[in-house]
C-alpha atoms as a PDB file:
ATOM      1  CA  LYS A   1     114.132 -22.406 -29.758  1.00  0.00           C
ATOM      2  CA  ILE A   2     112.824 -18.891 -30.469  1.00  0.00           C
ATOM      3  CA  VAL A   3     109.351 -18.388 -31.922  1.00  0.00           C
ATOM      4  CA  VAL A   4     107.333 -15.328 -32.975  1.00  0.00           C
ATOM      5  CA  ILE A   5     103.556 -15.716 -32.722  1.00  0.00           C
ATOM      6  CA  ASP A   6     101.529 -13.157 -34.666  1.00  0.00           C
ATOM      7  CA  PRO A   7      97.761 -13.034 -34.099  1.00  0.00           C
ATOM      8  CA  ALA A   8      96.538 -11.230 -37.225  1.00  0.00           C
ATOM      9  CA  CYS A   9      94.687  -7.896 -37.204  1.00  0.00           C
ATOM     10  CA  GLY A  10      93.872  -5.990 -33.988  1.00  0.00           C
ATOM     11  CA  GLY A  11      93.037  -2.474 -32.904  1.00  0.00           C
ATOM     12  CA  GLY A  12      91.049  -0.665 -35.595  1.00  0.00           C
ATOM     13  CA  ASN A  13      91.624  -3.564 -37.997  1.00  0.00           C
ATOM     14  CA  ASP A  14      88.889  -6.130 -37.328  1.00  0.00           C
ATOM     15  CA  GLY A  15      90.079  -8.336 -40.194  1.00  0.00           C
ATOM     16  CA  LEU A  16      87.365 -10.533 -41.670  1.00  0.00           C
ATOM     17  CA  VAL A  17      83.955  -9.954 -40.103  1.00  0.00           C
ATOM     18  CA  VAL A  18      80.908 -12.149 -40.671  1.00  0.00           C
ATOM     19  CA  GLU A  19      77.712 -11.784 -38.638  1.00  0.00           C
ATOM     20  CA  GLY A  20      79.533  -9.934 -35.857  1.00  0.00           C
ATOM     21  CA  ILE A  21      82.340 -12.501 -35.583  1.00  0.00           C
ATOM     22  CA  ARG A  22      85.685 -10.686 -35.912  1.00  0.00           C
ATOM     23  CA  GLU A  23      88.957 -12.226 -37.026  1.00  0.00           C
ATOM     24  CA  LYS A  24      90.953 -10.061 -34.599  1.00  0.00           C
ATOM     25  CA  ASP A  25      89.117 -11.585 -31.621  1.00  0.00           C
ATOM     26  CA  ILE A  26      89.515 -15.199 -32.762  1.00  0.00           C
ATOM     27  CA  THR A  27      93.241 -14.876 -33.519  1.00  0.00           C
ATOM     28  CA  LEU A  28      93.975 -13.157 -30.200  1.00  0.00           C
ATOM     29  CA  GLU A  29      92.028 -15.733 -28.180  1.00  0.00           C
ATOM     30  CA  ILE A  30      93.916 -18.583 -29.876  1.00  0.00           C
ATOM     31  CA  ALA A  31      97.242 -16.813 -29.220  1.00  0.00           C
ATOM     32  CA  GLN A  32      96.357 -16.362 -25.538  1.00  0.00           C
ATOM     33  CA  LYS A  33      95.557 -20.076 -25.201  1.00  0.00           C
ATOM     34  CA  LEU A  34      98.786 -20.939 -27.025  1.00  0.00           C
ATOM     35  CA  LYS A  35     100.744 -18.659 -24.656  1.00  0.00           C
ATOM     36  CA  GLU A  36      99.478 -20.622 -21.645  1.00  0.00           C
ATOM     37  CA  LYS A  37     100.959 -23.790 -23.161  1.00  0.00           C
ATOM     38  CA  LEU A  38     104.235 -22.250 -24.320  1.00  0.00           C
ATOM     39  CA  ASP A  39     104.822 -20.550 -20.948  1.00  0.00           C
ATOM     40  CA  LYS A  40     105.304 -24.044 -19.480  1.00  0.00           C
ATOM     41  CA  THR A  41     108.247 -24.774 -21.819  1.00  0.00           C
ATOM     42  CA  ASP A  42     111.760 -23.393 -22.225  1.00  0.00           C
ATOM     43  CA  ILE A  43     110.868 -22.036 -25.667  1.00  0.00           C
ATOM     44  CA  LYS A  44     111.489 -18.286 -25.973  1.00  0.00           C
ATOM     45  CA  VAL A  45     108.364 -16.728 -27.478  1.00  0.00           C
ATOM     46  CA  TYR A  46     107.669 -13.226 -28.725  1.00  0.00           C
ATOM     47  CA  TYR A  47     104.140 -12.079 -29.498  1.00  0.00           C
ATOM     48  CA  THR A  48     103.340  -9.247 -31.898  1.00  0.00           C
ATOM     49  CA  ARG A  49     100.295  -8.453 -29.764  1.00  0.00           C
ATOM     50  CA  MET A  50      98.580  -9.815 -26.688  1.00  0.00           C
ATOM     51  CA  ASP A  51      95.765  -7.275 -26.520  1.00  0.00           C
ATOM     52  CA  ASP A  52      93.608  -5.284 -28.930  1.00  0.00           C
ATOM     53  CA  VAL A  53      96.301  -3.316 -30.743  1.00  0.00           C
ATOM     54  CA  ASN A  54      97.392  -3.473 -34.370  1.00  0.00           C
ATOM     55  CA  PRO A  55     101.135  -3.343 -34.943  1.00  0.00           C
ATOM     56  CA  GLY A  56     101.892  -2.451 -38.554  1.00  0.00           C
ATOM     57  CA  GLU A  57     103.071  -5.116 -40.976  1.00  0.00           C
ATOM     58  CA  LYS A  58     106.571  -3.581 -41.022  1.00  0.00           C
ATOM     59  CA  GLU A  59     106.742  -3.785 -37.203  1.00  0.00           C
ATOM     60  CA  ARG A  60     105.731  -7.439 -37.296  1.00  0.00           C
ATOM     61  CA  VAL A  61     108.405  -8.199 -39.910  1.00  0.00           C
ATOM     62  CA  PHE A  62     111.041  -6.202 -38.017  1.00  0.00           C
ATOM     63  CA  LEU A  63     110.386  -8.142 -34.797  1.00  0.00           C
ATOM     64  CA  ALA A  64     110.724 -11.532 -36.481  1.00  0.00           C
ATOM     65  CA  ASN A  65     113.846 -10.597 -38.425  1.00  0.00           C
ATOM     66  CA  GLU A  66     115.560  -8.585 -35.676  1.00  0.00           C
ATOM     67  CA  ILE A  67     115.433 -11.246 -32.969  1.00  0.00           C
ATOM     68  CA  ARG A  68     116.509 -13.941 -35.439  1.00  0.00           C
ATOM     69  CA  ALA A  69     113.734 -16.257 -34.373  1.00  0.00           C
ATOM     70  CA  ASP A  70     113.708 -19.858 -35.535  1.00  0.00           C
ATOM     71  CA  MET A  71     110.183 -19.475 -36.887  1.00  0.00           C
ATOM     72  CA  TYR A  72     107.332 -17.017 -37.334  1.00  0.00           C
ATOM     73  CA  ILE A  73     103.731 -18.214 -37.114  1.00  0.00           C
ATOM     74  CA  ARG A  74     100.815 -15.959 -38.032  1.00  0.00           C
ATOM     75  CA  ILE A  75      97.337 -16.977 -36.903  1.00  0.00           C
ATOM     76  CA  GLN A  76      94.541 -15.963 -39.288  1.00  0.00           C
ATOM     77  CA  VAL A  77      91.070 -16.984 -40.399  1.00  0.00           C
ATOM     78  CA  ASP A  78      90.072 -17.501 -44.008  1.00  0.00           C
ATOM     79  CA  SER A  79      87.094 -16.658 -46.192  1.00  0.00           C
ATOM     80  CA  CYS A  80      85.725 -18.000 -49.427  1.00  0.00           C
ATOM     81  CA  GLU A  81      83.074 -16.830 -51.872  1.00  0.00           C
ATOM     82  CA  ASP A  82      81.606 -20.335 -51.702  1.00  0.00           C
ATOM     83  CA  ALA A  83      80.072 -20.531 -48.197  1.00  0.00           C
ATOM     84  CA  GLY A  84      80.255 -24.320 -48.421  1.00  0.00           C
ATOM     85  CA  VAL A  85      84.064 -24.297 -48.267  1.00  0.00           C
ATOM     86  CA  TYR A  86      85.588 -25.060 -44.878  1.00  0.00           C
ATOM     87  CA  GLY A  87      88.958 -26.204 -43.595  1.00  0.00           C
ATOM     88  CA  THR A  88      92.481 -25.186 -42.691  1.00  0.00           C
ATOM     89  CA  THR A  89      95.137 -23.889 -45.037  1.00  0.00           C
ATOM     90  CA  THR A  90      98.639 -22.531 -44.555  1.00  0.00           C
ATOM     91  CA  VAL A  91     100.538 -19.901 -46.470  1.00  0.00           C
ATOM     92  CA  TYR A  92     104.324 -19.842 -46.822  1.00  0.00           C
ATOM     93  CA  ASN A  93     107.035 -17.715 -48.416  1.00  0.00           C
ATOM     94  CA  GLY A  94     108.061 -19.534 -51.570  1.00  0.00           C
ATOM     95  CA  ASP A  95     110.928 -17.101 -52.228  1.00  0.00           C
ATOM     96  CA  TYR A  96     112.765 -17.878 -49.006  1.00  0.00           C
ATOM     97  CA  PHE A  97     114.367 -21.305 -48.928  1.00  0.00           C
ATOM     98  CA  ILE A  98     116.449 -23.002 -46.252  1.00  0.00           C
ATOM     99  CA  PRO A  99     117.679 -26.536 -46.949  1.00  0.00           C
ATOM    100  CA  GLY A 100     116.226 -28.994 -44.442  1.00  0.00           C
ATOM    101  CA  PHE A 101     113.787 -26.709 -42.683  1.00  0.00           C
ATOM    102  CA  GLY A 102     112.133 -23.694 -44.229  1.00  0.00           C
ATOM    103  CA  SER A 103     108.774 -22.059 -44.687  1.00  0.00           C
ATOM    104  CA  VAL A 104     107.247 -24.950 -46.653  1.00  0.00           C
ATOM    105  CA  GLU A 105     108.128 -27.473 -43.942  1.00  0.00           C
ATOM    106  CA  LEU A 106     106.810 -25.121 -41.252  1.00  0.00           C
ATOM    107  CA  ALA A 107     103.542 -24.598 -43.158  1.00  0.00           C
ATOM    108  CA  ASP A 108     103.121 -28.330 -43.769  1.00  0.00           C
ATOM    109  CA  THR A 109     103.731 -29.238 -40.114  1.00  0.00           C
ATOM    110  CA  LEU A 110     101.386 -26.490 -38.881  1.00  0.00           C
ATOM    111  CA  GLU A 111      98.568 -27.546 -41.164  1.00  0.00           C
ATOM    112  CA  ARG A 112      98.958 -31.234 -40.361  1.00  0.00           C
ATOM    113  CA  GLU A 113      99.007 -30.676 -36.585  1.00  0.00           C
ATOM    114  CA  VAL A 114      96.103 -28.213 -36.479  1.00  0.00           C
ATOM    115  CA  VAL A 115      93.920 -30.389 -38.733  1.00  0.00           C
ATOM    116  CA  THR A 116      94.711 -33.453 -36.613  1.00  0.00           C
ATOM    117  CA  SER A 117      93.943 -31.597 -33.378  1.00  0.00           C
ATOM    118  CA  ILE A 118      90.570 -30.242 -34.542  1.00  0.00           C
ATOM    119  CA  LYS A 119      89.749 -33.380 -36.563  1.00  0.00           C
ATOM    120  CA  GLY A 120      89.220 -31.044 -39.498  1.00  0.00           C
ATOM    121  CA  LYS A 121      89.931 -30.856 -43.190  1.00  0.00           C
ATOM    122  CA  ALA A 122      93.165 -29.703 -44.811  1.00  0.00           C
ATOM    123  CA  LEU A 123      92.768 -27.395 -47.794  1.00  0.00           C
ATOM    124  CA  GLY A 124      96.484 -27.476 -48.578  1.00  0.00           C
ATOM    125  CA  LEU A 125      99.464 -25.158 -48.661  1.00  0.00           C
ATOM    126  CA  SER A 126      99.633 -22.030 -50.770  1.00  0.00           C
ATOM    127  CA  GLU A 127     102.401 -19.657 -51.636  1.00  0.00           C
ATOM    128  CA  ALA A 128     102.136 -16.136 -50.199  1.00  0.00           C
ATOM    129  CA  GLN A 129     100.836 -13.538 -52.626  1.00  0.00           C
ATOM    130  CA  THR A 130     102.134  -9.982 -52.988  1.00  0.00           C
ATOM    131  CA  GLU A 131      99.573  -8.569 -50.535  1.00  0.00           C
ATOM    132  CA  GLU A 132     100.750 -10.934 -47.782  1.00  0.00           C
ATOM    133  CA  TYR A 133     103.527  -8.543 -46.823  1.00  0.00           C
ATOM    134  CA  ALA A 134     104.694 -10.111 -43.568  1.00  0.00           C
ATOM    135  CA  ILE A 135     105.024 -13.668 -44.849  1.00  0.00           C
ATOM    136  CA  ARG A 136     106.822 -12.463 -47.994  1.00  0.00           C
ATOM    137  CA  ASN A 137     109.303 -10.202 -46.170  1.00  0.00           C
ATOM    138  CA  ILE A 138     110.365 -12.267 -43.186  1.00  0.00           C
ATOM    139  CA  THR A 139     113.808 -13.836 -43.606  1.00  0.00           C
ATOM    140  CA  ILE A 140     113.275 -16.793 -41.282  1.00  0.00           C
ATOM    141  CA  PRO A 141     110.933 -19.767 -41.772  1.00  0.00           C
ATOM    142  CA  ALA A 142     107.494 -18.141 -41.786  1.00  0.00           C
ATOM    143  CA  ALA A 143     103.948 -19.401 -42.278  1.00  0.00           C
ATOM    144  CA  ALA A 144     100.400 -18.232 -41.719  1.00  0.00           C
ATOM    145  CA  VAL A 145      97.919 -20.820 -40.534  1.00  0.00           C
ATOM    146  CA  LYS A 146      94.374 -19.970 -41.595  1.00  0.00           C
ATOM    147  CA  VAL A 147      92.454 -21.899 -38.973  1.00  0.00           C
ATOM    148  CA  GLY A 148      89.049 -21.949 -40.674  1.00  0.00           C
ATOM    149  CA  CYS A 149      86.680 -20.222 -43.084  1.00  0.00           C
ATOM    150  CA  ILE A 150      84.660 -17.584 -41.302  1.00  0.00           C
ATOM    151  CA  THR A 151      82.326 -17.514 -44.322  1.00  0.00           C
ATOM    152  CA  ASN A 152      81.206 -21.094 -43.598  1.00  0.00           C
ATOM    153  CA  ARG A 153      78.414 -20.841 -41.029  1.00  0.00           C
ATOM    154  CA  GLN A 154      79.264 -24.116 -39.232  1.00  0.00           C
ATOM    155  CA  GLU A 155      82.984 -23.370 -39.092  1.00  0.00           C
ATOM    156  CA  ALA A 156      82.373 -19.778 -37.931  1.00  0.00           C
ATOM    157  CA  SER A 157      80.288 -21.104 -35.027  1.00  0.00           C
ATOM    158  CA  LEU A 158      83.168 -23.430 -34.086  1.00  0.00           C
ATOM    159  CA  LEU A 159      85.820 -20.693 -34.326  1.00  0.00           C
ATOM    160  CA  VAL A 160      84.213 -18.706 -31.494  1.00  0.00           C
ATOM    161  CA  ARG A 161      84.018 -21.685 -29.121  1.00  0.00           C
ATOM    162  CA  GLU A 162      86.628 -21.764 -26.400  1.00  0.00           C
ATOM    163  CA  GLU A 163      87.190 -25.540 -26.583  1.00  0.00           C
ATOM    164  CA  TYR A 164      87.687 -25.359 -30.373  1.00  0.00           C
ATOM    165  CA  GLN A 165      90.176 -22.492 -29.991  1.00  0.00           C
ATOM    166  CA  GLU A 166      91.945 -24.604 -27.368  1.00  0.00           C
ATOM    167  CA  ARG A 167      92.270 -27.474 -29.858  1.00  0.00           C
ATOM    168  CA  ILE A 168      93.644 -25.095 -32.504  1.00  0.00           C
ATOM    169  CA  ALA A 169      96.180 -23.835 -29.957  1.00  0.00           C
ATOM    170  CA  ASP A 170      97.073 -27.474 -29.174  1.00  0.00           C
ATOM    171  CA  GLY A 171      97.744 -28.091 -32.866  1.00  0.00           C
ATOM    172  CA  ILE A 172     100.018 -25.059 -33.201  1.00  0.00           C
ATOM    173  CA  TYR A 173     101.785 -26.018 -29.982  1.00  0.00           C
ATOM    174  CA  ASN A 174     102.346 -29.584 -31.219  1.00  0.00           C
ATOM    175  CA  ALA A 175     103.755 -28.254 -34.491  1.00  0.00           C
ATOM    176  CA  ILE A 176     106.220 -26.014 -32.615  1.00  0.00           C
ATOM    177  CA  LEU A 177     107.379 -28.969 -30.495  1.00  0.00           C
ATOM    178  CA  LYS A 178     107.862 -31.202 -33.559  1.00  0.00           C
ATOM    179  CA  ILE A 179     110.025 -28.692 -35.408  1.00  0.00           C
END
């Protein structure tokens, strides 16, 4: 099994920022915890970044497509105008279809496993929009798991906690093993 893990943002791109909490830090910390788990398996894993750099979207797509990975998983956080909204959602490429196992199945499994691990709330799957370049241009099963709404004060405080990040990483890890 070959997997590409893509912690969103990095470098000069902080991603979503609310009250000093930066998306780039949360996604990287989750990816680092996930790496510790995956290093103990025979799964071949490529990471788009493991420190504070920001590979371009085209570089991220090239990596996933070039190595012919079995799946691409982007780790992101979400935001909502309504600060009361919280939960996990996943985004998939609706244009790319593989019978049996494709982006929709990957997104569904990711969301289910992360929500179960954090004992959270699922907000559902959504199809990637035009601005979600990587998910829309990768030609393998690809999904972005948005692990929580940074605009929800309670969820933002959870997203920076090491034990919560560990549970998110557990959920992603469990999804990879199930696929």
